[in-house]
Amino acid sequence: MFIAYAAAGILLALALSASATLTFTRNEAITVSMSKVGVPDSWLPRLASLKAAGAVGLLVGLAVPLIGSAAAGGVVLYFIGAIVAHVRAKDFEIAAPAILALLAAAALVLRVMSA
């Protein structure tokens, strides 16, 4: 189970790192998507920091199971919030947050089972 967590956690950490970088640099695709769902520009640094913290937590979770579980759980909640925001704004482009939420849920289950 640990190898499966390591694979899922590292893959998710890479995706979160890329997303955080694009959000920090205010990539046009990210800012357009977030503005469609009503996210103020002032929230972008905070949201990017949450993604970066999730990525770091998943990697630290390779050595410290509790940190990995907490990080994966936080990432699940983050992307459930993203899905809810998209649905409330009647923007049904939710494939990316749904896939990341599922990957985070898988990482959470795998980390708990391998601890």
N, C-alpha and C. Protein backbone atom coordinates (compact mmCIF):
# COMPACT_ATOMS: atom_id res chain seq x y z
N MET A 1 0.80 -1.20 0.00
CA MET A 1 0.00 0.00 0.00
C MET A 1 0.85 1.27 0.00
N PHE A 2 2.01 1.21 0.66
CA PHE A 2 2.83 2.41 0.73
C PHE A 2 3.30 2.85 -0.65
N ILE A 3 3.67 1.89 -1.50
CA ILE A 3 4.14 2.25 -2.84
C ILE A 3 3.01 2.91 -3.63
N ALA A 4 1.80 2.40 -3.46
CA ALA A 4 0.65 3.01 -4.13
C ALA A 4 0.42 4.42 -3.62
N TYR A 5 0.55 4.62 -2.28
CA TYR A 5 0.42 5.98 -1.75
C TYR A 5 1.51 6.88 -2.30
N ALA A 6 2.73 6.37 -2.33
CA ALA A 6 3.85 7.18 -2.83
C ALA A 6 3.58 7.62 -4.26
N ALA A 7 3.09 6.71 -5.10
CA ALA A 7 2.81 7.07 -6.49
C ALA A 7 1.68 8.10 -6.56
N ALA A 8 0.60 7.86 -5.84
CA ALA A 8 -0.53 8.80 -5.88
C ALA A 8 -0.14 10.13 -5.25
N GLY A 9 0.56 10.09 -4.13
CA GLY A 9 0.96 11.32 -3.45
C GLY A 9 1.91 12.17 -4.27
N ILE A 10 2.88 11.53 -4.90
CA ILE A 10 3.83 12.28 -5.73
C ILE A 10 3.15 12.85 -6.96
N LEU A 11 2.30 12.08 -7.60
CA LEU A 11 1.55 12.57 -8.77
C LEU A 11 0.68 13.76 -8.39
N LEU A 12 -0.04 13.64 -7.28
CA LEU A 12 -0.90 14.73 -6.82
C LEU A 12 -0.07 15.95 -6.42
N ALA A 13 1.07 15.73 -5.77
CA ALA A 13 1.95 16.84 -5.38
C ALA A 13 2.46 17.59 -6.61
N LEU A 14 2.79 16.85 -7.67
CA LEU A 14 3.22 17.51 -8.91
C LEU A 14 2.11 18.35 -9.51
N ALA A 15 0.90 17.80 -9.54
CA ALA A 15 -0.23 18.54 -10.09
C ALA A 15 -0.53 19.78 -9.25
N LEU A 16 -0.48 19.64 -7.93
CA LEU A 16 -0.74 20.78 -7.05
C LEU A 16 0.36 21.84 -7.19
N SER A 17 1.60 21.40 -7.33
CA SER A 17 2.71 22.35 -7.50
C SER A 17 2.53 23.15 -8.78
N ALA A 18 2.18 22.47 -9.85
CA ALA A 18 1.96 23.16 -11.12
C ALA A 18 0.80 24.14 -11.00
N SER A 19 -0.29 23.70 -10.39
CA SER A 19 -1.45 24.57 -10.24
C SER A 19 -1.14 25.77 -9.35
N ALA A 20 -0.40 25.54 -8.27
CA ALA A 20 -0.03 26.64 -7.38
C ALA A 20 0.85 27.64 -8.11
N THR A 21 1.80 27.15 -8.88
CA THR A 21 2.69 28.04 -9.64
C THR A 21 1.88 28.88 -10.63
N LEU A 22 0.97 28.24 -11.34
CA LEU A 22 0.15 28.97 -12.31
C LEU A 22 -0.76 29.99 -11.61
N THR A 23 -1.23 29.65 -10.42
CA THR A 23 -2.08 30.58 -9.69
C THR A 23 -1.26 31.74 -9.14
N PHE A 24 -0.08 31.46 -8.59
CA PHE A 24 0.79 32.53 -8.09
C PHE A 24 1.16 33.51 -9.20
N THR A 25 1.41 32.98 -10.40
CA THR A 25 1.82 33.84 -11.51
C THR A 25 0.63 34.42 -12.27
N ARG A 26 -0.57 34.12 -11.78
CA ARG A 26 -1.81 34.63 -12.38
C ARG A 26 -1.92 34.29 -13.86
N ASN A 27 -1.73 33.01 -14.15
CA ASN A 27 -1.90 32.51 -15.50
C ASN A 27 -3.31 32.85 -15.98
N GLU A 28 -3.42 33.27 -17.24
CA GLU A 28 -4.71 33.73 -17.76
C GLU A 28 -5.80 32.67 -17.67
N ALA A 29 -5.47 31.43 -17.99
CA ALA A 29 -6.47 30.37 -17.94
C ALA A 29 -6.99 30.17 -16.51
N ILE A 30 -6.11 30.26 -15.54
CA ILE A 30 -6.51 30.10 -14.14
C ILE A 30 -7.37 31.28 -13.69
N THR A 31 -6.93 32.49 -14.00
CA THR A 31 -7.68 33.66 -13.54
C THR A 31 -9.05 33.74 -14.20
N VAL A 32 -9.14 33.36 -15.47
CA VAL A 32 -10.44 33.36 -16.14
C VAL A 32 -11.36 32.33 -15.50
N SER A 33 -10.84 31.14 -15.25
CA SER A 33 -11.65 30.08 -14.63
C SER A 33 -12.12 30.49 -13.24
N MET A 34 -11.23 31.07 -12.45
CA MET A 34 -11.62 31.46 -11.10
C MET A 34 -12.57 32.65 -11.10
N SER A 35 -12.41 33.56 -12.04
CA SER A 35 -13.33 34.70 -12.08
C SER A 35 -14.72 34.27 -12.55
N LYS A 36 -14.80 33.22 -13.38
CA LYS A 36 -16.10 32.70 -13.80
C LYS A 36 -16.92 32.18 -12.63
N VAL A 37 -16.26 31.68 -11.61
CA VAL A 37 -16.97 31.16 -10.45
C VAL A 37 -17.04 32.17 -9.31
N GLY A 38 -16.56 33.38 -9.55
CA GLY A 38 -16.70 34.45 -8.57
C GLY A 38 -15.62 34.55 -7.52
N VAL A 39 -14.45 33.98 -7.80
CA VAL A 39 -13.33 34.08 -6.85
C VAL A 39 -12.65 35.43 -7.05
N PRO A 40 -12.58 36.25 -6.00
CA PRO A 40 -11.90 37.55 -6.13
C PRO A 40 -10.40 37.37 -6.35
N ASP A 41 -9.80 38.31 -7.07
CA ASP A 41 -8.36 38.25 -7.32
C ASP A 41 -7.55 38.25 -6.03
N SER A 42 -8.06 38.87 -5.00
CA SER A 42 -7.32 38.93 -3.73
C SER A 42 -7.20 37.56 -3.07
N TRP A 43 -8.01 36.59 -3.47
CA TRP A 43 -7.95 35.25 -2.90
C TRP A 43 -6.89 34.38 -3.58
N LEU A 44 -6.43 34.76 -4.76
CA LEU A 44 -5.51 33.91 -5.52
C LEU A 44 -4.25 33.52 -4.75
N PRO A 45 -3.57 34.46 -4.09
CA PRO A 45 -2.37 34.04 -3.34
C PRO A 45 -2.70 33.05 -2.22
N ARG A 46 -3.83 33.23 -1.55
CA ARG A 46 -4.21 32.30 -0.48
C ARG A 46 -4.51 30.92 -1.04
N LEU A 47 -5.25 30.87 -2.12
CA LEU A 47 -5.59 29.58 -2.73
C LEU A 47 -4.34 28.88 -3.25
N ALA A 48 -3.43 29.65 -3.84
CA ALA A 48 -2.17 29.07 -4.32
C ALA A 48 -1.35 28.55 -3.15
N SER A 49 -1.37 29.25 -2.03
CA SER A 49 -0.64 28.80 -0.85
C SER A 49 -1.22 27.51 -0.30
N LEU A 50 -2.54 27.37 -0.33
CA LEU A 50 -3.16 26.13 0.11
C LEU A 50 -2.74 24.95 -0.77
N LYS A 51 -2.69 25.18 -2.08
CA LYS A 51 -2.26 24.12 -2.99
C LYS A 51 -0.80 23.74 -2.73
N ALA A 52 0.05 24.75 -2.55
CA ALA A 52 1.46 24.49 -2.28
C ALA A 52 1.64 23.75 -0.96
N ALA A 53 0.88 24.15 0.06
CA ALA A 53 0.96 23.46 1.35
C ALA A 53 0.50 22.01 1.23
N GLY A 54 -0.53 21.78 0.43
CA GLY A 54 -0.98 20.41 0.19
C GLY A 54 0.10 19.57 -0.47
N ALA A 55 0.78 20.15 -1.45
CA ALA A 55 1.86 19.43 -2.14
C ALA A 55 2.98 19.09 -1.17
N VAL A 56 3.39 20.05 -0.37
CA VAL A 56 4.46 19.81 0.60
C VAL A 56 4.02 18.76 1.62
N GLY A 57 2.78 18.87 2.09
CA GLY A 57 2.27 17.91 3.06
C GLY A 57 2.22 16.49 2.53
N LEU A 58 1.84 16.34 1.27
CA LEU A 58 1.82 15.01 0.66
C LEU A 58 3.22 14.41 0.59
N LEU A 59 4.20 15.24 0.27
CA LEU A 59 5.58 14.74 0.19
C LEU A 59 6.14 14.43 1.57
N VAL A 60 5.86 15.28 2.55
CA VAL A 60 6.29 15.01 3.92
C VAL A 60 5.59 13.76 4.43
N GLY A 61 4.37 13.53 3.94
CA GLY A 61 3.61 12.36 4.32
C GLY A 61 4.25 11.04 3.92
N LEU A 62 5.22 11.09 3.06
CA LEU A 62 5.96 9.87 2.74
C LEU A 62 6.70 9.36 3.97
N ALA A 63 7.14 10.28 4.83
CA ALA A 63 7.87 9.92 6.04
C ALA A 63 7.02 9.99 7.30
N VAL A 64 6.04 10.90 7.31
CA VAL A 64 5.20 11.11 8.50
C VAL A 64 3.75 10.84 8.12
N PRO A 65 3.24 9.65 8.43
CA PRO A 65 1.89 9.28 7.98
C PRO A 65 0.79 10.26 8.36
N LEU A 66 0.84 10.81 9.57
CA LEU A 66 -0.22 11.73 10.00
C LEU A 66 -0.26 12.99 9.12
N ILE A 67 0.90 13.50 8.77
CA ILE A 67 0.97 14.70 7.91
C ILE A 67 0.41 14.37 6.52
N GLY A 68 0.76 13.22 5.99
CA GLY A 68 0.25 12.81 4.68
C GLY A 68 -1.26 12.66 4.68
N SER A 69 -1.80 12.07 5.73
CA SER A 69 -3.25 11.91 5.84
C SER A 69 -3.95 13.27 5.94
N ALA A 70 -3.39 14.15 6.78
CA ALA A 70 -3.98 15.48 6.93
C ALA A 70 -3.92 16.26 5.63
N ALA A 71 -2.80 16.19 4.93
CA ALA A 71 -2.65 16.91 3.67
C ALA A 71 -3.63 16.38 2.62
N ALA A 72 -3.72 15.07 2.50
CA ALA A 72 -4.64 14.49 1.53
C ALA A 72 -6.09 14.86 1.86
N GLY A 73 -6.43 14.82 3.14
CA GLY A 73 -7.78 15.23 3.55
C GLY A 73 -8.05 16.69 3.23
N GLY A 74 -7.08 17.54 3.48
CA GLY A 74 -7.23 18.95 3.15
C GLY A 74 -7.40 19.19 1.66
N VAL A 75 -6.66 18.45 0.86
CA VAL A 75 -6.76 18.58 -0.60
C VAL A 75 -8.14 18.10 -1.08
N VAL A 76 -8.64 17.03 -0.49
CA VAL A 76 -9.99 16.57 -0.83
C VAL A 76 -10.99 17.68 -0.56
N LEU A 77 -10.92 18.29 0.63
CA LEU A 77 -11.85 19.36 0.98
C LEU A 77 -11.70 20.57 0.06
N TYR A 78 -10.46 20.91 -0.29
CA TYR A 78 -10.21 22.03 -1.20
C TYR A 78 -10.93 21.81 -2.53
N PHE A 79 -10.76 20.62 -3.10
CA PHE A 79 -11.34 20.39 -4.42
C PHE A 79 -12.84 20.12 -4.37
N ILE A 80 -13.36 19.64 -3.25
CA ILE A 80 -14.81 19.58 -3.10
C ILE A 80 -15.36 21.00 -3.09
N GLY A 81 -14.68 21.90 -2.40
CA GLY A 81 -15.07 23.31 -2.42
C GLY A 81 -15.01 23.90 -3.81
N ALA A 82 -14.01 23.52 -4.59
CA ALA A 82 -13.90 24.00 -5.97
C ALA A 82 -15.07 23.49 -6.81
N ILE A 83 -15.42 22.23 -6.63
CA ILE A 83 -16.55 21.66 -7.38
C ILE A 83 -17.84 22.38 -7.02
N VAL A 84 -18.05 22.60 -5.72
CA VAL A 84 -19.26 23.30 -5.27
C VAL A 84 -19.31 24.71 -5.85
N ALA A 85 -18.17 25.40 -5.85
CA ALA A 85 -18.13 26.77 -6.41
C ALA A 85 -18.49 26.76 -7.89
N HIS A 86 -17.98 25.80 -8.63
CA HIS A 86 -18.29 25.72 -10.06
C HIS A 86 -19.77 25.43 -10.28
N VAL A 87 -20.32 24.50 -9.52
CA VAL A 87 -21.73 24.14 -9.70
C VAL A 87 -22.63 25.31 -9.31
N ARG A 88 -22.32 26.00 -8.21
CA ARG A 88 -23.13 27.14 -7.79
C ARG A 88 -23.11 28.25 -8.83
N ALA A 89 -22.00 28.39 -9.54
CA ALA A 89 -21.90 29.42 -10.58
C ALA A 89 -22.44 28.93 -11.92
N LYS A 90 -22.98 27.72 -11.92
CA LYS A 90 -23.51 27.10 -13.14
C LYS A 90 -22.43 26.97 -14.23
N ASP A 91 -21.21 26.72 -13.76
CA ASP A 91 -20.07 26.45 -14.65
C ASP A 91 -19.72 24.98 -14.45
N PHE A 92 -20.09 24.16 -15.41
CA PHE A 92 -19.97 22.72 -15.22
C PHE A 92 -18.67 22.15 -15.79
N GLU A 93 -17.64 22.95 -15.88
CA GLU A 93 -16.31 22.48 -16.25
C GLU A 93 -15.61 22.00 -14.98
N ILE A 94 -16.06 20.84 -14.49
CA ILE A 94 -15.57 20.37 -13.19
C ILE A 94 -14.71 19.12 -13.31
N ALA A 95 -14.31 18.77 -14.52
CA ALA A 95 -13.52 17.55 -14.69
C ALA A 95 -12.20 17.62 -13.93
N ALA A 96 -11.47 18.70 -14.07
CA ALA A 96 -10.16 18.80 -13.42
C ALA A 96 -10.28 18.75 -11.90
N PRO A 97 -11.14 19.57 -11.27
CA PRO A 97 -11.23 19.47 -9.81
C PRO A 97 -11.77 18.12 -9.34
N ALA A 98 -12.65 17.51 -10.12
CA ALA A 98 -13.19 16.20 -9.74
C ALA A 98 -12.11 15.14 -9.77
N ILE A 99 -11.29 15.16 -10.81
CA ILE A 99 -10.20 14.18 -10.92
C ILE A 99 -9.20 14.37 -9.78
N LEU A 100 -8.87 15.62 -9.48
CA LEU A 100 -7.91 15.88 -8.40
C LEU A 100 -8.51 15.51 -7.04
N ALA A 101 -9.81 15.73 -6.85
CA ALA A 101 -10.46 15.32 -5.60
C ALA A 101 -10.43 13.81 -5.45
N LEU A 102 -10.69 13.09 -6.54
CA LEU A 102 -10.64 11.63 -6.48
C LEU A 102 -9.23 11.11 -6.23
N LEU A 103 -8.25 11.73 -6.86
CA LEU A 103 -6.86 11.33 -6.63
C LEU A 103 -6.45 11.61 -5.18
N ALA A 104 -6.91 12.74 -4.64
CA ALA A 104 -6.61 13.05 -3.24
C ALA A 104 -7.31 12.07 -2.30
N ALA A 105 -8.54 11.69 -2.62
CA ALA A 105 -9.25 10.71 -1.80
C ALA A 105 -8.52 9.36 -1.84
N ALA A 106 -8.04 8.98 -3.01
CA ALA A 106 -7.29 7.74 -3.12
C ALA A 106 -6.00 7.83 -2.30
N ALA A 107 -5.31 8.97 -2.37
CA ALA A 107 -4.08 9.14 -1.58
C ALA A 107 -4.39 9.06 -0.09
N LEU A 108 -5.51 9.64 0.33
CA LEU A 108 -5.90 9.60 1.74
C LEU A 108 -6.14 8.15 2.19
N VAL A 109 -6.91 7.42 1.43
CA VAL A 109 -7.21 6.02 1.78
C VAL A 109 -5.92 5.19 1.80
N LEU A 110 -5.08 5.36 0.80
CA LEU A 110 -3.84 4.60 0.74
C LEU A 110 -2.89 4.96 1.89
N ARG A 111 -2.82 6.24 2.26
CA ARG A 111 -1.94 6.63 3.36
C ARG A 111 -2.44 6.06 4.68
N VAL A 112 -3.76 6.10 4.89
CA VAL A 112 -4.32 5.55 6.13
C VAL A 112 -4.10 4.04 6.18
N MET A 113 -4.28 3.37 5.07
CA MET A 113 -4.13 1.91 5.05
C MET A 113 -2.69 1.46 5.18
N SER A 114 -1.75 2.31 4.79
CA SER A 114 -0.34 1.90 4.85
C SER A 114 0.36 2.36 6.12
N ALA A 115 -0.34 3.11 6.96
CA ALA A 115 0.29 3.64 8.20
C ALA A 115 0.46 2.55 9.23
